[in-house]
Amino acid sequence: MTEKSELPVLLIVEDDVGLQRQLKWAYEGYQVVIAGNRAEAVDLLRLHEPRVVTLDLGLPPDPDGTSEGFATLSEILALKPDTKVIVASGHGARESALKAIALGAYDFYKKPVDIDELGLIVARAFRLWQIEDENRTLEARGGGGATVLGSIISTSPEMARVARTIERVASADVSVMLLGASGTGKELLARSVHDLSPRKGGEFVAINCAAIPENLLEAELFGYERGAFTGAVKTTPGKIEQAQGGTLFLDEVGDIPLPLQVKLLRFLQERVIERIGGRAPINVDTRIVCATHQNLDEMISAGSFRDDLYYRLAEIVVHIPSLADRSGDAVLLARHFVNRYAREMNPKVQGLAPDAAEAIDAYAWPGNVRELENRVKRAVIMADGKLIGAVDLDLPTVRQSAGDAVPINLRAAREVADRRAIHQALTRTEYNISSAAKLLGISRPTLYDLMKQYQLGS
């Protein structure tokens, strides 16, 4: 019998409680989730990412009309363009059907509901989604240029060397340390270690140690027993335990506080953990892959990272090159991202203009692949023409870059430096003003004033 969590998710958006019950139990082979209004539908869409949605157009606060239903349809497709939405209505069926299809709905059926007929439409929608997803996977692997390790797009010898190292160490049951700047694809490489290893049948469990507050990180890693602390209403296994038989990926391992480093070291030595509030030892067989952008040698010298823990984690060290050090990969990846996001968000976009390719190749990419992807995605969404230009990517042309290199006076040089620093900080923090100001070492009001002065909007 298939576990419920493994079943494809079908979201039913319907405000009639009786029909909700009827539809919920009408579909075997799916995990059915129910929403009664637009807000619930969007929340469940974000939570479950259903492949197929059935949507009643007559939703509150307009149950006798279609306005709220069409607004829900538009929001679903804006968030998840590949979702197959099957629209239902008893109001002006022909006009509603034409409008729904024009907005991007997969199919339309008229109320009252015929369960068997709707079931066939739903099954066909799931099958089409699967076919399209397989095509997307094939295109992602082969359509954007050469790939290494099956998922990482690259033609550079620098990444080829990394790929060969990953392939060699994956089969050996040793801890792997991935060192590289933020945005270089460390988690993708960690997944490759798992997928190429004898543990590929187990779980790949990832945790970002920098994203979890220090007082919660121990509970996330080691789990806790019911009643161990206020709010511990049930026994909860930690990430280490969840990775039993598989791979545990510790991202930003340099952010683990010293007291917790001691407990992690003990686990690595004995392969036994105890949950918070527990006394029973739990044996865990998992492989550790970790990553950080920090200089751990300097942290060890400063006393903020244990050297004995480092040697346990870094049996094999792999250095990941920054995008600027990967010959030709920036343009290759940009074209891949343009094709991907144009297909999803703006089909009229057909590629990169020559000035964009030149600008991409000349830019330093301090935010690495993540920055490149974000810039391309934003450019595709906002593009009016068929080709993405340097201006769409908010990059200086090669000619502008050469001019910037020789400023006419000190004021101009300062302005160039300020613009570049502010732009890089905003990009790295995804335009979070507070984080960008902290990164720059200035106050938020000062950053706002500089952004206004240099016309650097979000």
Protein backbone atom coordinates (compact mmCIF):
# COMPACT_ATOMS: atom_id res chain seq x y z
CA MET A 1 0.00 0.00 0.00
CA THR A 2 1.33 3.46 -0.94
CA GLU A 3 2.08 5.82 1.94
CA LYS A 4 -0.11 8.92 1.92
CA SER A 5 2.92 11.22 1.83
CA GLU A 6 4.06 9.55 -1.43
CA LEU A 7 0.75 10.13 -3.21
CA PRO A 8 0.41 13.00 -5.71
CA VAL A 9 -1.49 15.92 -4.18
CA LEU A 10 -4.89 17.00 -5.52
CA LEU A 11 -6.15 20.35 -4.23
CA ILE A 12 -9.93 20.83 -4.29
CA VAL A 13 -11.12 24.44 -3.95
CA GLU A 14 -14.82 24.28 -3.10
CA ASP A 15 -16.92 26.18 -0.55
CA ASP A 16 -19.86 23.73 -0.42
CA VAL A 17 -19.19 21.58 2.67
CA GLY A 18 -21.33 18.70 1.43
CA LEU A 19 -19.55 18.63 -1.92
CA GLN A 20 -16.21 18.90 -0.13
CA ARG A 21 -16.94 15.64 1.71
CA GLN A 22 -18.17 13.95 -1.45
CA LEU A 23 -15.10 14.92 -3.46
CA LYS A 24 -12.61 14.18 -0.67
CA TRP A 25 -13.49 10.50 -0.62
CA ALA A 26 -14.09 10.12 -4.36
CA TYR A 27 -10.43 9.94 -5.34
CA GLU A 28 -8.21 6.99 -4.52
CA GLY A 29 -4.55 7.21 -5.36
CA TYR A 30 -4.27 10.91 -4.47
CA GLN A 31 -3.60 12.90 -1.33
CA VAL A 32 -6.65 15.17 -1.35
CA VAL A 33 -6.52 18.55 0.41
CA ILE A 34 -9.52 20.90 0.64
CA ALA A 35 -9.76 24.70 0.56
CA GLY A 36 -12.95 26.71 0.98
CA ASN A 37 -11.72 30.10 -0.21
CA ARG A 38 -8.90 31.85 -2.04
CA ALA A 39 -6.69 32.44 1.02
CA GLU A 40 -6.88 28.77 2.06
CA ALA A 41 -6.22 27.70 -1.54
CA VAL A 42 -3.06 29.80 -1.77
CA ASP A 43 -1.83 28.59 1.64
CA LEU A 44 -2.33 24.95 0.64
CA LEU A 45 -0.72 25.59 -2.75
CA ARG A 46 2.40 26.91 -1.04
CA LEU A 47 2.41 24.06 1.49
CA HIS A 48 1.70 21.06 -0.75
CA GLU A 49 2.55 22.27 -4.29
CA PRO A 50 -0.24 20.16 -5.83
CA ARG A 51 0.11 19.04 -9.42
CA VAL A 52 -3.63 19.34 -10.10
CA VAL A 53 -6.30 21.68 -8.71
CA THR A 54 -10.07 21.55 -9.17
CA LEU A 55 -11.47 25.05 -8.69
CA ASP A 56 -15.07 26.16 -8.20
CA LEU A 57 -15.42 29.68 -9.57
CA GLY A 58 -18.20 30.56 -7.13
CA LEU A 59 -16.15 31.28 -4.02
CA PRO A 60 -16.86 33.62 -1.11
CA PRO A 61 -17.22 36.57 -0.92
CA ASP A 62 -18.76 36.18 -4.43
CA PRO A 63 -20.41 32.72 -4.24
CA ASP A 64 -23.05 33.66 -6.81
CA GLY A 65 -20.53 35.06 -9.30
CA THR A 66 -17.13 34.19 -10.72
CA SER A 67 -14.86 37.11 -9.81
CA GLU A 68 -13.27 35.48 -6.77
CA GLY A 69 -12.81 32.19 -8.63
CA PHE A 70 -11.02 33.87 -11.51
CA ALA A 71 -8.84 35.82 -9.05
CA THR A 72 -7.93 32.50 -7.39
CA LEU A 73 -7.11 30.95 -10.77
CA SER A 74 -4.81 33.84 -11.66
CA GLU A 75 -3.03 33.70 -8.31
CA ILE A 76 -2.49 29.93 -8.50
CA LEU A 77 -0.99 30.15 -11.99
CA ALA A 78 1.15 33.13 -11.03
CA LEU A 79 2.66 31.15 -8.15
CA LYS A 80 2.87 27.75 -9.89
CA PRO A 81 2.53 28.09 -13.69
CA ASP A 82 2.84 24.34 -14.31
CA THR A 83 -0.18 23.47 -12.13
CA LYS A 84 -3.09 21.89 -14.00
CA VAL A 85 -6.21 23.78 -12.88
CA ILE A 86 -9.61 22.28 -13.72
CA VAL A 87 -12.29 24.94 -13.36
CA ALA A 88 -15.95 24.27 -12.45
CA SER A 89 -18.90 26.64 -12.65
CA GLY A 90 -22.63 26.72 -13.11
CA HIS A 91 -22.59 30.43 -14.00
CA GLY A 92 -22.54 31.29 -17.71
CA ALA A 93 -20.74 28.08 -18.53
CA ARG A 94 -19.59 28.90 -22.06
CA GLU A 95 -18.31 32.40 -21.27
CA SER A 96 -16.65 31.18 -18.07
CA ALA A 97 -15.02 28.28 -19.89
CA LEU A 98 -13.56 30.55 -22.58
CA LYS A 99 -12.23 33.01 -20.00
CA ALA A 100 -10.78 30.26 -17.80
CA ILE A 101 -8.92 28.64 -20.69
CA ALA A 102 -7.67 32.06 -21.81
CA LEU A 103 -6.29 32.67 -18.30
CA GLY A 104 -4.41 29.37 -18.43
CA ALA A 105 -6.79 26.77 -16.95
CA TYR A 106 -6.17 23.19 -18.11
CA ASP A 107 -9.86 22.23 -18.51
CA PHE A 108 -13.41 23.24 -17.60
CA TYR A 109 -16.51 21.33 -16.56
CA LYS A 110 -20.03 22.48 -15.85
CA LYS A 111 -21.82 21.85 -12.57
CA PRO A 112 -23.50 19.75 -11.24
CA VAL A 113 -20.48 17.54 -10.72
CA ASP A 114 -20.32 14.09 -12.30
CA ILE A 115 -17.74 12.31 -10.14
CA ASP A 116 -16.79 9.73 -12.78
CA GLU A 117 -16.41 12.31 -15.53
CA LEU A 118 -14.40 14.63 -13.30
CA GLY A 119 -12.26 11.68 -12.22
CA LEU A 120 -11.24 11.04 -15.83
CA ILE A 121 -10.34 14.72 -16.33
CA VAL A 122 -8.29 14.70 -13.12
CA ALA A 123 -6.43 11.51 -14.10
CA ARG A 124 -5.64 12.94 -17.54
CA ALA A 125 -4.36 16.16 -15.95
CA PHE A 126 -2.03 14.24 -13.63
CA ARG A 127 -0.70 12.23 -16.56
CA LEU A 128 -0.05 15.35 -18.63
CA TRP A 129 1.72 17.01 -15.68
CA GLN A 130 3.97 13.95 -15.36
CA ILE A 131 4.85 13.97 -19.07
CA GLU A 132 5.62 17.69 -19.00
CA ASP A 133 7.71 17.28 -15.84
CA GLU A 134 9.75 14.52 -17.48
CA ASN A 135 10.30 16.81 -20.47
CA ARG A 136 11.35 19.65 -18.15
CA THR A 137 13.85 17.35 -16.45
CA LEU A 138 15.32 16.18 -19.76
CA GLU A 139 15.59 19.75 -21.03
CA ALA A 140 17.21 20.91 -17.81
CA ARG A 141 19.80 18.15 -18.08
CA GLY A 142 20.50 18.39 -21.76
CA GLY A 143 19.04 21.58 -23.14
CA GLY A 144 21.18 24.22 -21.52
CA GLY A 145 24.60 22.96 -22.56
CA ALA A 146 26.96 20.42 -21.06
CA THR A 147 26.17 19.01 -17.63
CA VAL A 148 28.30 17.41 -14.95
CA LEU A 149 27.02 15.04 -12.27
CA GLY A 150 23.65 14.98 -14.04
CA SER A 151 22.35 18.29 -12.67
CA ILE A 152 25.10 20.92 -12.65
CA ILE A 153 25.48 22.82 -15.93
CA SER A 154 29.09 23.55 -16.82
CA THR A 155 31.71 23.26 -19.54
CA SER A 156 34.57 24.65 -17.45
CA PRO A 157 37.61 22.52 -16.60
CA GLU A 158 37.41 23.88 -13.05
CA MET A 159 34.01 22.28 -12.45
CA ALA A 160 35.04 19.16 -14.37
CA ARG A 161 37.77 18.62 -11.78
CA VAL A 162 35.24 19.08 -8.96
CA ALA A 163 32.90 16.57 -10.64
CA ARG A 164 35.65 13.96 -10.94
CA THR A 165 36.48 14.40 -7.26
CA ILE A 166 32.82 14.02 -6.23
CA GLU A 167 32.44 10.89 -8.36
CA ARG A 168 35.53 9.32 -6.75
CA VAL A 169 34.66 10.09 -3.12
CA ALA A 170 30.92 9.36 -3.35
CA SER A 171 31.35 5.59 -3.10
CA ALA A 172 33.70 5.83 -0.10
CA ASP A 173 31.87 6.17 3.21
CA VAL A 174 33.86 9.20 4.42
CA SER A 175 32.85 12.67 5.59
CA VAL A 176 33.07 15.34 2.88
CA MET A 177 33.65 19.06 3.41
CA LEU A 178 32.57 21.41 0.58
CA LEU A 179 34.28 24.80 0.72
CA GLY A 180 33.14 27.68 -1.45
CA ALA A 181 31.50 31.08 -1.54
CA SER A 182 27.74 31.52 -1.08
CA GLY A 183 25.74 30.73 -4.18
CA THR A 184 28.24 28.32 -5.77
CA GLY A 185 25.96 25.26 -5.65
CA LYS A 186 27.26 23.44 -2.58
CA GLU A 187 23.91 21.79 -1.82
CA LEU A 188 23.63 20.48 -5.40
CA LEU A 189 27.07 18.92 -5.03
CA ALA A 190 26.14 17.46 -1.65
CA ARG A 191 23.10 15.84 -3.26
CA SER A 192 25.37 14.43 -5.96
CA VAL A 193 27.56 12.82 -3.28
CA HIS A 194 24.41 11.18 -1.89
CA ASP A 195 22.95 10.16 -5.26
CA LEU A 196 26.20 8.52 -6.38
CA SER A 197 26.76 6.69 -3.09
CA PRO A 198 25.56 3.29 -1.81
CA ARG A 199 23.29 5.31 0.52
CA LYS A 200 21.20 6.74 -2.33
CA GLY A 201 18.22 4.62 -1.22
CA GLY A 202 18.17 6.43 2.13
CA GLU A 203 17.11 9.99 2.93
CA PHE A 204 19.10 13.09 2.03
CA VAL A 205 18.45 15.40 5.00
CA ALA A 206 19.69 18.99 4.79
CA ILE A 207 19.87 21.61 7.52
CA ASN A 208 21.17 25.17 7.23
CA CYS A 209 22.98 25.77 10.52
CA ALA A 210 23.09 29.54 9.94
CA ALA A 211 19.33 29.84 9.40
CA ILE A 212 18.27 28.41 12.77
CA PRO A 213 18.61 30.36 16.05
CA GLU A 214 21.33 29.03 18.33
CA ASN A 215 18.86 28.04 21.05
CA LEU A 216 16.85 25.90 18.60
CA LEU A 217 19.66 24.32 16.60
CA GLU A 218 20.38 21.55 19.12
CA ALA A 219 16.72 20.45 19.08
CA GLU A 220 16.71 20.50 15.26
CA LEU A 221 19.81 18.33 15.08
CA PHE A 222 19.30 15.91 17.96
CA GLY A 223 15.53 15.95 18.48
CA TYR A 224 13.76 16.02 21.82
CA GLU A 225 11.48 14.02 24.09
CA ARG A 226 8.00 15.10 25.04
CA GLY A 227 8.12 17.49 27.97
CA ALA A 228 11.84 18.24 27.53
CA PHE A 229 11.07 21.96 27.46
CA THR A 230 8.12 24.32 27.19
CA GLY A 231 6.38 23.64 23.91
CA ALA A 232 7.72 20.08 23.52
CA VAL A 233 4.27 18.52 23.26
CA LYS A 234 5.46 15.37 21.50
CA THR A 235 8.64 13.37 20.97
CA THR A 236 10.36 14.62 17.81
CA PRO A 237 13.35 12.98 16.07
CA GLY A 238 16.10 15.38 14.98
CA LYS A 239 17.74 15.76 11.58
CA ILE A 240 20.56 13.37 12.49
CA GLU A 241 18.10 10.62 13.34
CA GLN A 242 16.02 11.33 10.23
CA ALA A 243 19.11 10.68 8.11
CA GLN A 244 19.40 7.09 9.35
CA GLY A 245 20.81 5.01 6.49
CA GLY A 246 21.23 8.09 4.30
CA THR A 247 23.15 11.36 4.19
CA LEU A 248 23.07 14.36 6.54
CA PHE A 249 24.05 17.65 4.90
CA LEU A 250 25.17 20.34 7.35
CA ASP A 251 25.14 23.59 5.39
CA GLU A 252 27.07 26.53 6.89
CA VAL A 253 28.63 24.24 9.47
CA GLY A 254 30.91 27.08 10.55
CA ASP A 255 27.92 28.71 12.27
CA ILE A 256 27.46 25.89 14.78
CA PRO A 257 28.14 27.34 18.28
CA LEU A 258 31.01 25.88 20.30
CA PRO A 259 28.90 24.05 22.94
CA LEU A 260 27.00 22.26 20.21
CA GLN A 261 30.25 21.45 18.37
CA VAL A 262 31.21 19.30 21.38
CA LYS A 263 27.98 17.31 21.15
CA LEU A 264 28.32 16.90 17.39
CA LEU A 265 31.91 15.67 17.81
CA ARG A 266 30.75 13.09 20.34
CA PHE A 267 28.19 11.81 17.85
CA LEU A 268 30.80 11.57 15.08
CA GLN A 269 33.09 9.58 17.38
CA GLU A 270 30.49 7.21 18.81
CA ARG A 271 27.66 7.33 16.21
CA VAL A 272 25.19 7.50 19.09
CA ILE A 273 22.89 10.36 20.07
CA GLU A 274 20.51 11.19 22.88
CA ARG A 275 17.49 13.40 22.29
CA ILE A 276 17.10 16.46 24.49
CA GLY A 277 15.35 15.28 27.65
CA GLY A 278 16.06 11.65 26.79
CA ARG A 279 18.30 9.06 28.41
CA ALA A 280 18.17 6.20 25.90
CA PRO A 281 21.11 6.12 23.46
CA ILE A 282 20.09 5.91 19.81
CA ASN A 283 22.48 4.43 17.26
CA VAL A 284 22.53 6.35 13.99
CA ASP A 285 24.25 5.24 10.80
CA THR A 286 24.50 8.25 8.50
CA ARG A 287 27.08 9.86 6.27
CA ILE A 288 28.02 13.49 6.94
CA VAL A 289 28.51 16.00 4.14
CA CYS A 290 29.00 19.61 5.23
CA ALA A 291 29.64 22.98 3.63
CA THR A 292 30.66 26.49 4.56
CA HIS A 293 31.73 29.73 2.91
CA GLN A 294 33.80 30.67 5.97
CA ASN A 295 37.54 30.23 6.44
CA LEU A 296 37.63 27.43 9.00
CA ASP A 297 41.43 27.62 9.39
CA GLU A 298 41.05 31.20 10.64
CA MET A 299 38.15 30.18 12.89
CA ILE A 300 40.26 27.38 14.38
CA SER A 301 43.09 29.83 15.05
CA ALA A 302 40.61 32.23 16.66
CA GLY A 303 39.18 29.46 18.83
CA SER A 304 35.65 29.64 17.38
CA PHE A 305 35.78 26.25 15.64
CA ARG A 306 37.20 23.05 17.12
CA ASP A 307 40.10 21.54 15.22
CA ASP A 308 39.17 17.98 16.29
CA LEU A 309 35.66 18.49 14.87
CA TYR A 310 37.13 19.87 11.64
CA TYR A 311 39.28 16.77 11.13
CA ARG A 312 36.25 14.53 11.70
CA LEU A 313 34.17 16.49 9.18
CA ALA A 314 36.90 17.11 6.60
CA GLU A 315 38.14 13.62 5.75
CA ILE A 316 37.78 14.78 2.14
CA VAL A 317 37.83 18.50 1.28
CA VAL A 318 36.44 19.76 -2.03
CA HIS A 319 37.00 23.39 -3.03
CA ILE A 320 34.16 24.82 -5.16
CA PRO A 321 35.24 27.57 -7.59
CA SER A 322 33.33 30.84 -7.71
CA LEU A 323 31.37 31.57 -10.89
CA ALA A 324 33.96 34.15 -11.96
CA ASP A 325 36.58 31.37 -11.91
CA ARG A 326 34.51 28.98 -14.07
CA SER A 327 35.56 29.72 -17.64
CA GLY A 328 32.54 30.50 -19.84
CA ASP A 329 29.96 29.11 -17.41
CA ALA A 330 28.23 32.41 -16.61
CA VAL A 331 26.86 32.87 -20.15
CA LEU A 332 26.05 29.16 -20.43
CA LEU A 333 24.06 29.25 -17.19
CA ALA A 334 22.37 32.53 -18.13
CA ARG A 335 21.05 30.99 -21.35
CA HIS A 336 19.81 27.99 -19.39
CA PHE A 337 17.97 30.21 -16.91
CA VAL A 338 16.49 32.36 -19.70
CA ASN A 339 15.07 29.25 -21.40
CA ARG A 340 13.75 27.88 -18.13
CA TYR A 341 12.05 31.04 -16.86
CA ALA A 342 10.81 32.16 -20.27
CA ARG A 343 8.98 28.87 -20.62
CA GLU A 344 7.39 29.33 -17.21
CA MET A 345 6.79 33.08 -17.04
CA ASN A 346 7.23 34.94 -20.33
CA PRO A 347 7.16 32.76 -23.47
CA LYS A 348 7.87 35.66 -25.84
CA VAL A 349 11.45 35.90 -24.53
CA GLN A 350 13.73 33.93 -26.85
CA GLY A 351 17.25 34.47 -25.59
CA LEU A 352 20.11 36.81 -24.71
CA ALA A 353 21.11 39.86 -26.74
CA PRO A 354 24.84 40.11 -27.65
CA ASP A 355 25.42 42.99 -25.22
CA ALA A 356 23.93 40.90 -22.39
CA ALA A 357 26.27 37.99 -23.08
CA GLU A 358 29.26 40.36 -23.11
CA ALA A 359 28.15 42.02 -19.87
CA ILE A 360 27.56 38.67 -18.16
CA ASP A 361 30.99 37.45 -19.18
CA ALA A 362 32.66 40.65 -17.93
CA TYR A 363 30.83 40.89 -14.59
CA ALA A 364 32.52 39.55 -11.42
CA TRP A 365 29.36 37.82 -10.00
CA PRO A 366 30.03 38.30 -6.27
CA GLY A 367 26.78 36.49 -5.52
CA ASN A 368 27.75 33.61 -7.83
CA VAL A 369 25.17 31.36 -9.52
CA ARG A 370 22.40 32.44 -7.14
CA GLU A 371 22.86 36.10 -8.12
CA LEU A 372 22.93 35.20 -11.82
CA GLU A 373 19.73 33.19 -11.54
CA ASN A 374 17.93 35.96 -9.63
CA ARG A 375 18.96 38.62 -12.17
CA VAL A 376 17.90 36.49 -15.14
CA LYS A 377 14.59 35.56 -13.53
CA ARG A 378 13.76 39.21 -12.80
CA ALA A 379 14.81 40.23 -16.33
CA VAL A 380 12.62 37.58 -17.97
CA ILE A 381 9.59 38.63 -15.95
CA MET A 382 10.04 42.32 -16.75
CA ALA A 383 11.21 41.99 -20.38
CA ASP A 384 9.17 43.69 -23.12
CA GLY A 385 11.16 42.38 -26.09
CA LYS A 386 12.27 39.01 -27.41
CA LEU A 387 15.87 39.32 -26.24
CA ILE A 388 17.24 40.05 -22.76
CA GLY A 389 19.72 42.91 -22.87
CA ALA A 390 22.37 44.12 -20.44
CA VAL A 391 20.03 46.85 -19.23
CA ASP A 392 17.35 44.23 -18.40
CA LEU A 393 19.91 42.48 -16.19
CA ASP A 394 20.90 45.79 -14.58
CA LEU A 395 24.48 45.20 -15.72
CA PRO A 396 26.84 47.76 -17.26
CA THR A 397 27.74 47.13 -20.90
CA VAL A 398 31.35 46.25 -21.62
CA ARG A 399 31.91 49.79 -22.92
CA GLN A 400 30.42 51.26 -19.74
CA SER A 401 32.61 49.01 -17.63
CA ALA A 402 35.72 50.23 -19.42
CA GLY A 403 34.64 53.82 -18.82
CA ASP A 404 33.99 53.14 -15.17
CA ALA A 405 37.51 51.75 -14.81
CA VAL A 406 38.99 55.22 -15.44
CA PRO A 407 36.80 57.73 -13.55
CA ILE A 408 37.29 61.37 -14.45
CA ASN A 409 37.73 62.54 -10.83
CA LEU A 410 37.67 61.40 -7.21
CA ARG A 411 33.95 62.15 -6.80
CA ALA A 412 33.14 59.95 -9.80
CA ALA A 413 35.38 57.18 -8.46
CA ARG A 414 33.59 57.28 -5.11
CA GLU A 415 30.21 57.17 -6.80
CA VAL A 416 31.23 54.13 -8.86
CA ALA A 417 32.51 52.38 -5.72
CA ASP A 418 29.38 53.29 -3.72
CA ARG A 419 27.05 52.06 -6.47
CA ARG A 420 28.90 48.79 -6.84
CA ALA A 421 29.05 48.11 -3.09
CA ILE A 422 25.37 48.98 -2.52
CA HIS A 423 24.25 46.94 -5.49
CA GLN A 424 26.27 43.91 -4.39
CA ALA A 425 24.97 44.14 -0.82
CA LEU A 426 21.37 44.40 -2.02
CA THR A 427 21.83 41.46 -4.37
CA ARG A 428 23.45 39.27 -1.76
CA THR A 429 20.66 39.96 0.74
CA GLU A 430 17.88 39.76 -1.88
CA TYR A 431 17.04 43.44 -1.32
CA ASN A 432 16.52 43.08 2.43
CA ILE A 433 17.33 46.65 3.48
CA SER A 434 18.20 45.83 7.10
CA SER A 435 20.55 42.99 6.13
CA ALA A 436 22.15 45.05 3.34
CA ALA A 437 22.77 47.99 5.69
CA LYS A 438 24.36 45.63 8.23
CA LEU A 439 26.56 44.12 5.51
CA LEU A 440 27.68 47.62 4.47
CA GLY A 441 28.22 48.77 8.04
CA ILE A 442 25.79 51.69 7.80
CA SER A 443 22.34 52.51 9.19
CA ARG A 444 19.11 51.85 7.33
CA PRO A 445 18.33 55.59 6.89
CA THR A 446 21.80 56.11 5.41
CA LEU A 447 21.28 53.25 2.98
CA TYR A 448 17.88 54.62 1.98
CA ASP A 449 19.46 58.05 1.35
CA LEU A 450 22.23 56.54 -0.78
CA MET A 451 19.75 54.43 -2.77
CA LYS A 452 17.70 57.57 -3.42
CA GLN A 453 20.81 59.56 -4.35
CA TYR A 454 22.03 56.94 -6.83
CA GLN A 455 18.50 55.91 -7.94
CA LEU A 456 19.03 52.31 -6.91
CA GLY A 457 15.54 50.94 -6.41
CA SER A 458 14.47 47.37 -5.59
